[in-house]
């Protein structure tokens, strides 16, 4: 699942979205269909047509023809509308489902998606301070997601980027690790949070600049010619298992999430988010009102 804020386009500068902007929320689902998997997307009902779960390709066309729904991420009705969509999904399935959410954009909506609220406990109605604690928390147990997993990409400035790996041998000695690792690491002191290293495919190139970021930073490099090159550094995705069945280990959920980052729609390399979120983000970007304009002739243009 992915949602995002949208600000009005401006001719001179693209400003960061604000809390009062419209919220374009997208839900996608990969469900078993015989021997294959079917991709679905949810569209809320509007004046121009009915809502519900549609085939992903059809939902793409319908979404582009409809305006972004009114409201913002601060609306009390938004979590309830998403819970209704999850209820409709659960009724279609003969088994449970796992929900992936983008930490880049959903933390303000549900209290337990924010690290500062991790110690809070929801009441019997699935609420914290009168707000749904997590997506699906207000539903009956049989309609709730079996697990809720939050993924946050290194595009978020709060997430550290991998810089150096150390390996500790059986003898206790520490050695330099692989500088181009795509591995999944578990953070010390927690059994629910993992960091998946992402190696840009350009790092596999043959030019010296493609691999320079493994050893040093651009600003610590003394070679002026190298400073002008395009550098590539490791990136990361944080995987946090927010909710899981009692007795289940977090590691299988984290491993599955990492593997789903290796199955993009039209890309042979690892993506920032697992496939369900990646598909939702792509559908979000394809909406005409998401295509903002920039005046490249101005010095203050940002993207």
Protein backbone atom coordinates (compact mmCIF):
# COMPACT_ATOMS: atom_id res chain seq x y z
CA UNK A 1 0.00 0.00 0.00
CA UNK A 2 1.21 3.50 -0.68
CA UNK A 3 -0.27 6.92 -0.21
CA UNK A 4 1.12 10.37 -0.87
CA UNK A 5 0.44 14.06 -0.41
CA UNK A 6 -0.06 16.27 -3.45
CA UNK A 7 0.49 20.00 -3.78
CA UNK A 8 -0.68 22.16 -6.67
CA UNK A 9 1.85 22.41 -9.55
CA UNK A 10 3.80 25.66 -9.76
CA UNK A 11 5.67 27.09 -12.70
CA UNK A 12 8.82 28.12 -10.90
CA UNK A 13 9.47 25.73 -8.07
CA UNK A 14 8.15 22.41 -6.84
CA UNK A 15 7.49 22.81 -3.13
CA UNK A 16 7.46 19.87 -0.74
CA UNK A 17 3.95 18.57 -0.01
CA UNK A 18 2.28 19.83 3.17
CA UNK A 19 -0.10 18.25 5.65
CA UNK A 20 -3.08 20.08 4.24
CA UNK A 21 -2.55 18.76 0.72
CA UNK A 22 -4.78 16.17 -0.87
CA UNK A 23 -4.09 12.53 -0.07
CA UNK A 24 -3.97 10.14 -3.00
CA UNK A 25 -4.00 6.69 -1.44
CA UNK A 26 -3.51 3.49 -3.39
CA UNK A 27 -4.02 -0.11 -2.29
CA UNK A 28 -2.71 -3.00 -4.37
CA UNK A 29 -3.02 -6.73 -3.71
CA UNK A 30 -1.38 -9.82 -5.14
CA UNK A 31 -3.80 -12.69 -4.65
CA UNK A 32 -3.71 -16.35 -5.73
CA UNK A 33 -5.77 -17.19 -8.80
CA UNK A 34 -5.48 -20.89 -9.52
CA UNK A 35 -1.90 -21.68 -10.42
CA UNK A 36 -1.08 -18.01 -10.94
CA UNK A 37 -1.23 -14.70 -9.09
CA UNK A 38 -3.57 -11.85 -9.91
CA UNK A 39 -2.78 -8.19 -9.32
CA UNK A 40 -5.59 -6.02 -7.96
CA UNK A 41 -5.89 -2.36 -7.05
CA UNK A 42 -8.53 -0.60 -4.97
CA UNK A 43 -10.26 2.58 -6.06
CA UNK A 44 -12.55 4.51 -3.70
CA UNK A 45 -16.00 5.33 -5.02
CA UNK A 46 -16.53 8.85 -6.33
CA UNK A 47 -19.18 10.79 -8.23
CA UNK A 48 -17.79 9.53 -11.51
CA UNK A 49 -18.04 5.83 -10.81
CA UNK A 50 -18.22 2.98 -8.35
CA UNK A 51 -15.34 1.85 -6.22
CA UNK A 52 -13.86 -1.48 -5.20
CA UNK A 53 -11.11 -3.90 -6.16
CA UNK A 54 -10.30 -4.03 -9.88
CA UNK A 55 -7.75 -5.75 -12.07
CA UNK A 56 -4.57 -3.67 -11.81
CA UNK A 57 -4.47 -2.75 -15.51
CA UNK A 58 -8.11 -1.64 -15.51
CA UNK A 59 -7.63 0.24 -12.25
CA UNK A 60 -4.74 2.17 -13.85
CA UNK A 61 -7.05 3.51 -16.56
CA UNK A 62 -9.88 4.30 -14.16
CA UNK A 63 -7.55 6.05 -11.74
CA UNK A 64 -6.15 8.35 -14.42
CA UNK A 65 -9.64 9.42 -15.46
CA UNK A 66 -10.71 10.39 -11.95
CA UNK A 67 -9.68 13.39 -9.85
CA UNK A 68 -7.67 12.92 -6.68
CA UNK A 69 -10.19 12.39 -3.83
CA UNK A 70 -10.91 15.31 -1.56
CA UNK A 71 -9.39 15.27 1.91
CA UNK A 72 -5.96 14.93 3.48
CA UNK A 73 -3.94 12.48 5.56
CA UNK A 74 -5.18 14.29 8.67
CA UNK A 75 -8.82 13.37 8.03
CA UNK A 76 -10.35 11.02 10.58
CA UNK A 77 -12.26 9.22 7.82
CA UNK A 78 -9.16 8.13 5.88
CA UNK A 79 -8.18 5.15 8.11
CA UNK A 80 -11.82 4.01 8.18
CA UNK A 81 -12.05 4.08 4.39
CA UNK A 82 -8.88 2.04 4.09
CA UNK A 83 -10.17 -0.44 6.69
CA UNK A 84 -13.30 -0.83 4.56
CA UNK A 85 -11.12 -1.64 1.55
CA UNK A 86 -9.22 -4.24 3.61
CA UNK A 87 -12.53 -5.73 4.74
CA UNK A 88 -13.61 -6.11 1.11
CA UNK A 89 -10.27 -7.74 0.29
CA UNK A 90 -10.48 -10.19 3.21
CA UNK A 91 -13.93 -11.32 2.06
CA UNK A 92 -12.47 -12.26 -1.37
CA UNK A 93 -9.71 -14.41 0.09
CA UNK A 94 -9.82 -17.92 1.47
CA UNK A 95 -6.65 -17.30 3.47
CA UNK A 96 -5.18 -14.45 5.47
CA UNK A 97 -3.05 -11.66 4.06
CA UNK A 98 0.05 -9.67 5.00
CA UNK A 99 -0.04 -5.89 4.70
CA UNK A 100 2.97 -3.83 3.57
CA UNK A 101 2.93 -0.09 4.22
CA UNK A 102 5.32 2.65 3.13
CA UNK A 103 6.93 4.31 6.12
CA UNK A 104 7.85 7.24 3.88
CA UNK A 105 4.27 8.51 3.90
CA UNK A 106 2.00 6.69 6.38
CA UNK A 107 3.49 7.38 9.81
CA UNK A 108 1.19 10.38 10.52
CA UNK A 109 -1.94 8.34 9.80
CA UNK A 110 -1.62 5.39 12.23
CA UNK A 111 0.02 5.84 15.67
CA UNK A 112 1.81 2.46 15.80
CA UNK A 113 3.61 3.12 12.51
CA UNK A 114 5.64 5.81 14.28
CA UNK A 115 8.64 4.67 16.34
CA UNK A 116 7.83 7.04 19.19
CA UNK A 117 4.55 5.19 19.81
CA UNK A 118 5.97 1.66 19.70
CA UNK A 119 5.33 1.08 23.41
CA UNK A 120 1.64 2.08 23.27
CA UNK A 121 -1.08 -0.55 23.42
CA UNK A 122 -4.39 -0.23 21.55
CA UNK A 123 -7.67 -0.62 23.42
CA UNK A 124 -10.23 -3.38 22.77
CA UNK A 125 -11.53 -1.48 19.73
CA UNK A 126 -8.06 -1.27 18.12
CA UNK A 127 -7.74 2.45 18.91
CA UNK A 128 -5.05 4.61 20.46
CA UNK A 129 -6.28 8.01 21.59
CA UNK A 130 -9.41 7.52 19.52
CA UNK A 131 -7.46 6.77 16.33
CA UNK A 132 -7.06 3.36 14.64
CA UNK A 133 -3.70 2.02 15.81
CA UNK A 134 -2.82 0.24 12.55
CA UNK A 135 -4.44 -0.44 9.18
CA UNK A 136 -7.18 -3.02 9.75
CA UNK A 137 -7.09 -2.61 13.54
CA UNK A 138 -10.80 -1.73 13.73
CA UNK A 139 -11.87 -4.86 11.81
CA UNK A 140 -12.93 -8.19 13.24
CA UNK A 141 -9.94 -10.51 13.89
CA UNK A 142 -10.72 -12.69 10.87
CA UNK A 143 -10.54 -9.65 8.56
CA UNK A 144 -7.38 -8.07 9.97
CA UNK A 145 -3.99 -8.54 8.26
CA UNK A 146 -1.96 -11.39 9.75
CA UNK A 147 1.07 -9.13 9.85
CA UNK A 148 1.83 -5.45 9.22
CA UNK A 149 5.27 -4.65 7.81
CA UNK A 150 6.61 -1.12 7.36
CA UNK A 151 9.31 -0.40 4.79
CA UNK A 152 11.18 2.90 4.61
CA UNK A 153 13.65 3.76 1.86
CA UNK A 154 16.93 5.65 2.13
CA UNK A 155 15.19 8.57 0.40
CA UNK A 156 13.93 9.36 3.92
CA UNK A 157 16.67 11.50 5.57
CA UNK A 158 16.07 9.77 8.92
CA UNK A 159 17.33 6.45 7.55
CA UNK A 160 21.09 5.82 7.62
CA UNK A 161 22.82 4.70 4.43
CA UNK A 162 25.19 1.70 4.60
CA UNK A 163 28.82 2.81 4.42
CA UNK A 164 31.04 0.06 5.82
CA UNK A 165 30.53 -3.60 6.67
CA UNK A 166 32.48 -5.56 9.26
CA UNK A 167 32.64 -9.33 9.55
CA UNK A 168 33.41 -11.08 12.84
CA UNK A 169 34.98 -14.49 12.41
CA UNK A 170 34.61 -17.53 14.65
CA UNK A 171 37.86 -16.54 16.35
CA UNK A 172 36.37 -13.15 17.25
CA UNK A 173 38.59 -11.19 14.86
CA UNK A 174 36.99 -8.38 12.88
CA UNK A 175 37.63 -7.96 9.16
CA UNK A 176 36.40 -5.69 6.39
CA UNK A 177 33.21 -7.04 4.83
CA UNK A 178 31.89 -6.93 1.28
CA UNK A 179 31.70 -3.31 0.15
CA UNK A 180 28.94 -4.06 -2.37
CA UNK A 181 26.65 -6.18 -0.24
CA UNK A 182 22.98 -6.73 -1.08
CA UNK A 183 22.45 -8.55 2.20
CA UNK A 184 19.77 -8.19 4.85
CA UNK A 185 21.03 -7.14 8.28
CA UNK A 186 19.27 -7.29 11.64
CA UNK A 187 19.78 -4.27 13.85
CA UNK A 188 21.39 -4.89 17.22
CA UNK A 189 19.05 -4.86 20.19
CA UNK A 190 15.87 -5.58 18.27
CA UNK A 191 14.16 -8.62 16.79
CA UNK A 192 11.76 -6.68 14.56
CA UNK A 193 13.90 -4.21 12.58
CA UNK A 194 16.13 -5.06 9.63
CA UNK A 195 18.19 -3.07 7.15
CA UNK A 196 18.35 -4.29 3.56
CA UNK A 197 21.35 -2.97 1.65
CA UNK A 198 20.66 -2.02 -1.96
CA UNK A 199 23.49 -1.88 -4.48
CA UNK A 200 22.79 0.38 -7.49
CA UNK A 201 23.20 -1.56 -10.71
CA UNK A 202 25.65 1.12 -11.89
CA UNK A 203 28.06 -0.16 -9.24
CA UNK A 204 28.57 -3.21 -11.41
CA UNK A 205 29.87 -1.02 -14.22
CA UNK A 206 33.44 -1.11 -15.47
CA UNK A 207 34.29 2.57 -14.95
CA UNK A 208 36.32 3.59 -11.93
CA UNK A 209 33.73 6.15 -10.82
CA UNK A 210 31.05 3.46 -10.60
CA UNK A 211 32.87 1.88 -7.68
CA UNK A 212 34.49 4.94 -6.11
CA UNK A 213 31.73 5.25 -3.54
CA UNK A 214 32.72 1.95 -1.98
CA UNK A 215 35.96 3.45 -0.67
CA UNK A 216 35.50 7.18 -0.13
CA UNK A 217 33.12 10.09 -0.40
CA UNK A 218 33.08 12.63 -3.20
CA UNK A 219 34.12 15.44 -0.86
CA UNK A 220 37.06 13.52 0.61
CA UNK A 221 38.47 12.70 -2.82
CA UNK A 222 41.62 14.63 -3.83
CA UNK A 223 41.38 13.78 -7.53
CA UNK A 224 39.59 16.66 -9.28
CA UNK A 225 38.77 14.53 -12.31
CA UNK A 226 37.18 11.87 -10.13
CA UNK A 227 35.16 14.52 -8.27
CA UNK A 228 33.47 15.41 -11.54
CA UNK A 229 32.42 11.82 -12.22
CA UNK A 230 29.01 10.37 -11.39
CA UNK A 231 29.37 8.42 -8.14
CA UNK A 232 27.23 5.59 -6.86
CA UNK A 233 26.86 4.60 -3.24
CA UNK A 234 24.96 1.93 -1.37
CA UNK A 235 21.34 2.63 -0.47
CA UNK A 236 19.09 0.97 2.07
CA UNK A 237 15.55 -0.06 2.91
CA UNK A 238 14.48 -0.40 6.53
CA UNK A 239 12.11 -3.32 7.14
CA UNK A 240 10.18 -3.26 10.40
CA UNK A 241 7.75 -6.01 11.37
CA UNK A 242 5.21 -3.94 13.29
CA UNK A 243 2.66 -6.68 13.98
CA UNK A 244 2.82 -10.48 13.54
CA UNK A 245 1.04 -13.53 15.02
CA UNK A 246 2.04 -14.48 18.54
CA UNK A 247 4.84 -17.00 18.49
CA UNK A 248 6.00 -16.14 14.96
CA UNK A 249 9.58 -15.04 14.36
CA UNK A 250 10.09 -11.73 12.53
CA UNK A 251 12.90 -13.02 10.31
CA UNK A 252 10.74 -14.97 7.77
CA UNK A 253 8.58 -11.87 7.26
CA UNK A 254 11.66 -9.69 6.73
CA UNK A 255 13.20 -12.19 4.31
CA UNK A 256 9.98 -12.37 2.29
CA UNK A 257 9.83 -8.58 2.15
CA UNK A 258 13.43 -8.41 0.93
CA UNK A 259 12.73 -11.01 -1.77
CA UNK A 260 9.70 -9.02 -2.95
CA UNK A 261 12.05 -6.11 -3.62
CA UNK A 262 13.70 -8.27 -6.28
CA UNK A 263 10.50 -8.58 -8.35
CA UNK A 264 9.84 -5.21 -9.95
CA UNK A 265 7.23 -4.64 -12.65
CA UNK A 266 9.72 -3.74 -15.38
CA UNK A 267 13.13 -3.64 -13.78
CA UNK A 268 15.76 -6.30 -13.28
CA UNK A 269 17.31 -4.80 -10.15
CA UNK A 270 16.22 -4.37 -6.54
CA UNK A 271 13.57 -1.74 -5.84
CA UNK A 272 13.22 0.57 -2.86
CA UNK A 273 10.02 -1.10 -1.64
CA UNK A 274 8.54 -4.62 -1.97
CA UNK A 275 6.44 -5.35 -5.04
CA UNK A 276 2.97 -4.49 -3.57
CA UNK A 277 4.14 -1.02 -2.48
CA UNK A 278 6.20 -0.56 -5.64
CA UNK A 279 3.13 -1.26 -7.79
CA UNK A 280 1.05 1.19 -5.75
CA UNK A 281 3.71 3.92 -6.05
CA UNK A 282 3.88 3.46 -9.82
CA UNK A 283 0.10 3.72 -10.09
CA UNK A 284 0.22 6.84 -7.92
CA UNK A 285 2.86 8.45 -10.15
CA UNK A 286 0.85 7.68 -13.27
CA UNK A 287 -2.03 9.92 -12.19
CA UNK A 288 -2.03 13.10 -14.32
CA UNK A 289 -2.15 15.39 -11.29
CA UNK A 290 1.09 13.87 -10.01
CA UNK A 291 3.04 15.21 -13.01
CA UNK A 292 4.43 18.46 -11.69
CA UNK A 293 6.24 21.08 -13.77
CA UNK A 294 9.60 22.70 -13.12
CA UNK A 295 11.08 25.85 -14.62
CA UNK A 296 14.64 24.63 -15.19
CA UNK A 297 15.81 28.14 -16.04
CA UNK A 298 15.51 29.26 -12.42
CA UNK A 299 18.26 28.59 -9.92
CA UNK A 300 15.87 27.52 -7.17
CA UNK A 301 14.21 24.67 -9.08
CA UNK A 302 13.97 21.49 -7.02
CA UNK A 303 12.43 18.10 -7.63
